[in-house]
């Protein structure tokens, strides 16, 4: 019961923060798009950390249409990975979450890919909602920053998690055999 109450409080707080963002900055432009994405990332991270679900849905399983990651490679996922290294995200991420070389650590990383994907998926849907609203209300050009940042901050991270997870599963299976 306490967990549900906490999740509801997080959701209400998120709505209030988004409302304040809309009120004080407006819904157009780079500043709103940037602020919305990062605020939602913080709120969604808090939500998923509190949720602590096993995330055992079949949604997270590798699908045949993903062609063992080839579909993501055609969307430029390797370029996106190089971009993350170039801007220092990978180094920062490894520093804050050092990785051990054992099966338990791989399984935890596997879970974190699911958790990260869920968070980015939630944010992606919320920002798409804002994107559609701004496009209809103010025009497509005014909603461009929402679209661009949503693709970079949410869509590509979702694709990256879906690309990495099957590789982690293979590493886990190899690790278990040893």
C-alpha atoms as a PDB file:
ATOM      1  CA  UNK A   1       0.000   0.000   0.000  1.00  0.00           C
ATOM      2  CA  UNK A   2       2.840   2.368   0.862  1.00  0.00           C
ATOM      3  CA  UNK A   3       4.486   1.699  -2.504  1.00  0.00           C
ATOM      4  CA  UNK A   4       1.266   2.517  -4.387  1.00  0.00           C
ATOM      5  CA  UNK A   5       0.886   5.726  -2.375  1.00  0.00           C
ATOM      6  CA  UNK A   6       4.468   6.718  -3.205  1.00  0.00           C
ATOM      7  CA  UNK A   7       3.928   6.012  -6.911  1.00  0.00           C
ATOM      8  CA  UNK A   8       0.779   8.137  -6.908  1.00  0.00           C
ATOM      9  CA  UNK A   9       2.637  10.982  -5.168  1.00  0.00           C
ATOM     10  CA  UNK A  10       5.411  10.758  -7.792  1.00  0.00           C
ATOM     11  CA  UNK A  11       2.830  10.913 -10.606  1.00  0.00           C
ATOM     12  CA  UNK A  12       1.027  13.899  -9.022  1.00  0.00           C
ATOM     13  CA  UNK A  13       4.334  15.698  -8.443  1.00  0.00           C
ATOM     14  CA  UNK A  14       5.281  15.093 -12.078  1.00  0.00           C
ATOM     15  CA  UNK A  15       1.998  16.581 -13.292  1.00  0.00           C
ATOM     16  CA  UNK A  16       2.490  19.631 -11.060  1.00  0.00           C
ATOM     17  CA  UNK A  17       6.071  20.102 -12.285  1.00  0.00           C
ATOM     18  CA  UNK A  18       5.004  19.788 -15.925  1.00  0.00           C
ATOM     19  CA  UNK A  19       2.229  22.302 -15.280  1.00  0.00           C
ATOM     20  CA  UNK A  20       4.722  24.738 -13.748  1.00  0.00           C
ATOM     21  CA  UNK A  21       7.064  24.239 -16.696  1.00  0.00           C
ATOM     22  CA  UNK A  22       4.254  24.983 -19.156  1.00  0.00           C
ATOM     23  CA  UNK A  23       3.142  28.022 -17.147  1.00  0.00           C
ATOM     24  CA  UNK A  24       6.568  29.622 -16.715  1.00  0.00           C
ATOM     25  CA  UNK A  25       8.319  28.667 -19.960  1.00  0.00           C
ATOM     26  CA  UNK A  26       5.484  27.912 -22.387  1.00  0.00           C
ATOM     27  CA  UNK A  27       5.343  24.921 -24.709  1.00  0.00           C
ATOM     28  CA  UNK A  28       7.444  26.187 -27.581  1.00  0.00           C
ATOM     29  CA  UNK A  29      11.138  26.215 -28.239  1.00  0.00           C
ATOM     30  CA  UNK A  30      14.335  24.523 -27.241  1.00  0.00           C
ATOM     31  CA  UNK A  31      14.292  25.500 -23.548  1.00  0.00           C
ATOM     32  CA  UNK A  32      10.881  23.908 -22.977  1.00  0.00           C
ATOM     33  CA  UNK A  33      11.820  20.772 -24.924  1.00  0.00           C
ATOM     34  CA  UNK A  34      15.107  20.340 -23.080  1.00  0.00           C
ATOM     35  CA  UNK A  35      13.585  21.069 -19.658  1.00  0.00           C
ATOM     36  CA  UNK A  36      10.591  18.805 -20.239  1.00  0.00           C
ATOM     37  CA  UNK A  37      12.764  15.861 -21.262  1.00  0.00           C
ATOM     38  CA  UNK A  38      15.172  16.138 -18.348  1.00  0.00           C
ATOM     39  CA  UNK A  39      12.466  16.794 -15.784  1.00  0.00           C
ATOM     40  CA  UNK A  40      10.526  13.772 -17.036  1.00  0.00           C
ATOM     41  CA  UNK A  41      13.725  11.712 -16.928  1.00  0.00           C
ATOM     42  CA  UNK A  42      14.203  12.574 -13.252  1.00  0.00           C
ATOM     43  CA  UNK A  43      10.562  11.874 -12.398  1.00  0.00           C
ATOM     44  CA  UNK A  44      10.434   8.655 -14.423  1.00  0.00           C
ATOM     45  CA  UNK A  45      13.699   7.431 -12.895  1.00  0.00           C
ATOM     46  CA  UNK A  46      12.205   8.002  -9.449  1.00  0.00           C
ATOM     47  CA  UNK A  47       9.024   6.197 -10.527  1.00  0.00           C
ATOM     48  CA  UNK A  48      10.794   3.133 -11.981  1.00  0.00           C
ATOM     49  CA  UNK A  49      13.194   2.903  -9.024  1.00  0.00           C
ATOM     50  CA  UNK A  50      10.212   2.936  -6.658  1.00  0.00           C
ATOM     51  CA  UNK A  51       8.205   0.514  -8.802  1.00  0.00           C
ATOM     52  CA  UNK A  52      10.889  -2.198  -8.677  1.00  0.00           C
ATOM     53  CA  UNK A  53       8.818  -4.439 -10.925  1.00  0.00           C
ATOM     54  CA  UNK A  54      10.406  -7.594 -12.321  1.00  0.00           C
ATOM     55  CA  UNK A  55       9.538  -6.333 -15.813  1.00  0.00           C
ATOM     56  CA  UNK A  56       8.884  -9.885 -17.000  1.00  0.00           C
ATOM     57  CA  UNK A  57       6.529  -8.925 -19.846  1.00  0.00           C
ATOM     58  CA  UNK A  58       7.030 -10.584 -23.218  1.00  0.00           C
ATOM     59  CA  UNK A  59       7.408  -7.041 -24.584  1.00  0.00           C
ATOM     60  CA  UNK A  60      11.032  -7.133 -23.431  1.00  0.00           C
ATOM     61  CA  UNK A  61      11.841 -10.348 -25.312  1.00  0.00           C
ATOM     62  CA  UNK A  62      13.750 -10.302 -28.583  1.00  0.00           C
ATOM     63  CA  UNK A  63      11.328 -10.279 -31.542  1.00  0.00           C
ATOM     64  CA  UNK A  64      11.859 -11.962 -34.906  1.00  0.00           C
ATOM     65  CA  UNK A  65      11.366  -8.674 -36.790  1.00  0.00           C
ATOM     66  CA  UNK A  66      14.328  -7.173 -34.929  1.00  0.00           C
ATOM     67  CA  UNK A  67      16.577  -9.451 -37.012  1.00  0.00           C
ATOM     68  CA  UNK A  68      19.149  -9.852 -34.206  1.00  0.00           C
ATOM     69  CA  UNK A  69      19.688  -6.087 -34.105  1.00  0.00           C
ATOM     70  CA  UNK A  70      20.071  -5.514 -37.849  1.00  0.00           C
ATOM     71  CA  UNK A  71      16.967  -3.292 -37.909  1.00  0.00           C
ATOM     72  CA  UNK A  72      18.529  -1.024 -35.263  1.00  0.00           C
ATOM     73  CA  UNK A  73      21.815  -0.911 -37.114  1.00  0.00           C
ATOM     74  CA  UNK A  74      19.925   0.290 -40.192  1.00  0.00           C
ATOM     75  CA  UNK A  75      18.500   3.129 -38.061  1.00  0.00           C
ATOM     76  CA  UNK A  76      22.055   4.176 -37.143  1.00  0.00           C
ATOM     77  CA  UNK A  77      22.234   2.807 -33.599  1.00  0.00           C
ATOM     78  CA  UNK A  78      26.012   2.356 -33.888  1.00  0.00           C
ATOM     79  CA  UNK A  79      26.384   6.040 -34.790  1.00  0.00           C
ATOM     80  CA  UNK A  80      24.251   6.914 -31.753  1.00  0.00           C
ATOM     81  CA  UNK A  81      26.467   4.702 -29.566  1.00  0.00           C
ATOM     82  CA  UNK A  82      29.556   6.512 -30.866  1.00  0.00           C
ATOM     83  CA  UNK A  83      27.852   9.848 -30.155  1.00  0.00           C
ATOM     84  CA  UNK A  84      27.273   8.771 -26.533  1.00  0.00           C
ATOM     85  CA  UNK A  85      30.965   7.933 -26.216  1.00  0.00           C
ATOM     86  CA  UNK A  86      31.950  11.227 -27.883  1.00  0.00           C
ATOM     87  CA  UNK A  87      29.887  13.382 -25.498  1.00  0.00           C
ATOM     88  CA  UNK A  88      31.154  11.427 -22.481  1.00  0.00           C
ATOM     89  CA  UNK A  89      27.889   9.733 -21.508  1.00  0.00           C
ATOM     90  CA  UNK A  90      29.394   6.230 -21.528  1.00  0.00           C
ATOM     91  CA  UNK A  91      32.307   7.307 -19.329  1.00  0.00           C
ATOM     92  CA  UNK A  92      29.968   9.074 -16.903  1.00  0.00           C
ATOM     93  CA  UNK A  93      27.622   6.088 -16.841  1.00  0.00           C
ATOM     94  CA  UNK A  94      30.432   3.586 -16.189  1.00  0.00           C
ATOM     95  CA  UNK A  95      31.866   5.815 -13.462  1.00  0.00           C
ATOM     96  CA  UNK A  96      28.544   6.054 -11.617  1.00  0.00           C
ATOM     97  CA  UNK A  97      27.677   2.368 -12.231  1.00  0.00           C
ATOM     98  CA  UNK A  98      30.911   0.356 -12.236  1.00  0.00           C
ATOM     99  CA  UNK A  99      30.482  -3.055 -13.829  1.00  0.00           C
ATOM    100  CA  UNK A 100      31.767  -6.255 -12.287  1.00  0.00           C
ATOM    101  CA  UNK A 101      32.518  -9.235 -14.477  1.00  0.00           C
ATOM    102  CA  UNK A 102      30.183 -11.909 -13.165  1.00  0.00           C
ATOM    103  CA  UNK A 103      26.770 -13.392 -13.942  1.00  0.00           C
ATOM    104  CA  UNK A 104      24.980 -11.488 -11.178  1.00  0.00           C
ATOM    105  CA  UNK A 105      26.265  -8.155 -12.497  1.00  0.00           C
ATOM    106  CA  UNK A 106      25.222  -9.069 -16.044  1.00  0.00           C
ATOM    107  CA  UNK A 107      21.741 -10.015 -14.825  1.00  0.00           C
ATOM    108  CA  UNK A 108      21.452  -6.700 -12.985  1.00  0.00           C
ATOM    109  CA  UNK A 109      22.546  -4.819 -16.112  1.00  0.00           C
ATOM    110  CA  UNK A 110      19.959  -6.806 -18.100  1.00  0.00           C
ATOM    111  CA  UNK A 111      17.267  -5.673 -15.642  1.00  0.00           C
ATOM    112  CA  UNK A 112      18.493  -2.071 -15.895  1.00  0.00           C
ATOM    113  CA  UNK A 113      18.071  -2.162 -19.690  1.00  0.00           C
ATOM    114  CA  UNK A 114      14.410  -3.053 -19.147  1.00  0.00           C
ATOM    115  CA  UNK A 115      14.009  -0.369 -16.514  1.00  0.00           C
ATOM    116  CA  UNK A 116      15.666   2.231 -18.731  1.00  0.00           C
ATOM    117  CA  UNK A 117      13.571   1.234 -21.724  1.00  0.00           C
ATOM    118  CA  UNK A 118      10.362   1.528 -19.689  1.00  0.00           C
ATOM    119  CA  UNK A 119      11.344   4.987 -18.473  1.00  0.00           C
ATOM    120  CA  UNK A 120      12.249   6.244 -21.925  1.00  0.00           C
ATOM    121  CA  UNK A 121       9.067   4.737 -23.368  1.00  0.00           C
ATOM    122  CA  UNK A 122       6.920   6.591 -20.827  1.00  0.00           C
ATOM    123  CA  UNK A 123       8.739   9.852 -21.556  1.00  0.00           C
ATOM    124  CA  UNK A 124       8.535   9.256 -25.309  1.00  0.00           C
ATOM    125  CA  UNK A 125       4.734   8.905 -25.144  1.00  0.00           C
ATOM    126  CA  UNK A 126       4.311  11.996 -22.937  1.00  0.00           C
ATOM    127  CA  UNK A 127       6.551  14.144 -25.153  1.00  0.00           C
ATOM    128  CA  UNK A 128       4.811  12.889 -28.314  1.00  0.00           C
ATOM    129  CA  UNK A 129       1.562  14.092 -26.724  1.00  0.00           C
ATOM    130  CA  UNK A 130       3.068  17.540 -26.208  1.00  0.00           C
ATOM    131  CA  UNK A 131       4.553  17.394 -29.708  1.00  0.00           C
ATOM    132  CA  UNK A 132       1.155  16.729 -31.297  1.00  0.00           C
ATOM    133  CA  UNK A 133      -0.504  19.453 -29.194  1.00  0.00           C
ATOM    134  CA  UNK A 134       2.121  22.071 -30.080  1.00  0.00           C
ATOM    135  CA  UNK A 135       2.066  21.079 -33.773  1.00  0.00           C
ATOM    136  CA  UNK A 136      -1.708  21.547 -33.982  1.00  0.00           C
ATOM    137  CA  UNK A 137      -1.872  24.620 -31.762  1.00  0.00           C
ATOM    138  CA  UNK A 138       1.211  26.562 -32.933  1.00  0.00           C
ATOM    139  CA  UNK A 139       2.383  24.826 -36.107  1.00  0.00           C
ATOM    140  CA  UNK A 140       4.810  22.091 -37.006  1.00  0.00           C
ATOM    141  CA  UNK A 141       7.880  24.345 -36.929  1.00  0.00           C
ATOM    142  CA  UNK A 142       7.168  25.332 -33.314  1.00  0.00           C
ATOM    143  CA  UNK A 143       7.069  21.651 -32.346  1.00  0.00           C
ATOM    144  CA  UNK A 144      10.310  20.707 -34.092  1.00  0.00           C
ATOM    145  CA  UNK A 145      12.506  20.880 -30.969  1.00  0.00           C
ATOM    146  CA  UNK A 146      10.118  18.558 -29.149  1.00  0.00           C
ATOM    147  CA  UNK A 147      10.399  16.057 -31.980  1.00  0.00           C
ATOM    148  CA  UNK A 148      14.179  16.268 -32.383  1.00  0.00           C
ATOM    149  CA  UNK A 149      14.958  16.005 -28.672  1.00  0.00           C
ATOM    150  CA  UNK A 150      12.377  13.254 -28.196  1.00  0.00           C
ATOM    151  CA  UNK A 151      14.068  11.193 -30.885  1.00  0.00           C
ATOM    152  CA  UNK A 152      17.559  11.809 -29.450  1.00  0.00           C
ATOM    153  CA  UNK A 153      16.712  11.525 -25.756  1.00  0.00           C
ATOM    154  CA  UNK A 154      14.033   8.824 -25.827  1.00  0.00           C
ATOM    155  CA  UNK A 155      13.543   6.952 -29.098  1.00  0.00           C
ATOM    156  CA  UNK A 156      17.215   6.148 -29.658  1.00  0.00           C
ATOM    157  CA  UNK A 157      17.755   5.079 -26.028  1.00  0.00           C
ATOM    158  CA  UNK A 158      14.784   2.698 -26.416  1.00  0.00           C
ATOM    159  CA  UNK A 159      16.307   1.294 -29.592  1.00  0.00           C
ATOM    160  CA  UNK A 160      19.686   1.031 -27.873  1.00  0.00           C
ATOM    161  CA  UNK A 161      18.238  -0.982 -24.976  1.00  0.00           C
ATOM    162  CA  UNK A 162      16.466  -3.307 -27.401  1.00  0.00           C
ATOM    163  CA  UNK A 163      19.729  -3.651 -29.344  1.00  0.00           C
ATOM    164  CA  UNK A 164      21.845  -4.398 -26.252  1.00  0.00           C
ATOM    165  CA  UNK A 165      19.511  -6.721 -24.349  1.00  0.00           C
ATOM    166  CA  UNK A 166      19.871  -9.815 -26.607  1.00  0.00           C
ATOM    167  CA  UNK A 167      23.643  -9.417 -26.460  1.00  0.00           C
ATOM    168  CA  UNK A 168      23.496  -9.295 -22.679  1.00  0.00           C
ATOM    169  CA  UNK A 169      21.284 -12.406 -22.669  1.00  0.00           C
ATOM    170  CA  UNK A 170      23.903 -14.265 -24.707  1.00  0.00           C
ATOM    171  CA  UNK A 171      26.644 -13.086 -22.324  1.00  0.00           C
ATOM    172  CA  UNK A 172      24.567 -14.215 -19.333  1.00  0.00           C
ATOM    173  CA  UNK A 173      24.035 -17.639 -20.895  1.00  0.00           C
ATOM    174  CA  UNK A 174      27.768 -17.968 -21.607  1.00  0.00           C
ATOM    175  CA  UNK A 175      28.585 -16.866 -18.073  1.00  0.00           C
ATOM    176  CA  UNK A 176      26.178 -19.410 -16.566  1.00  0.00           C
ATOM    177  CA  UNK A 177      27.784 -22.234 -18.555  1.00  0.00           C
ATOM    178  CA  UNK A 178      31.175 -21.451 -17.048  1.00  0.00           C
END
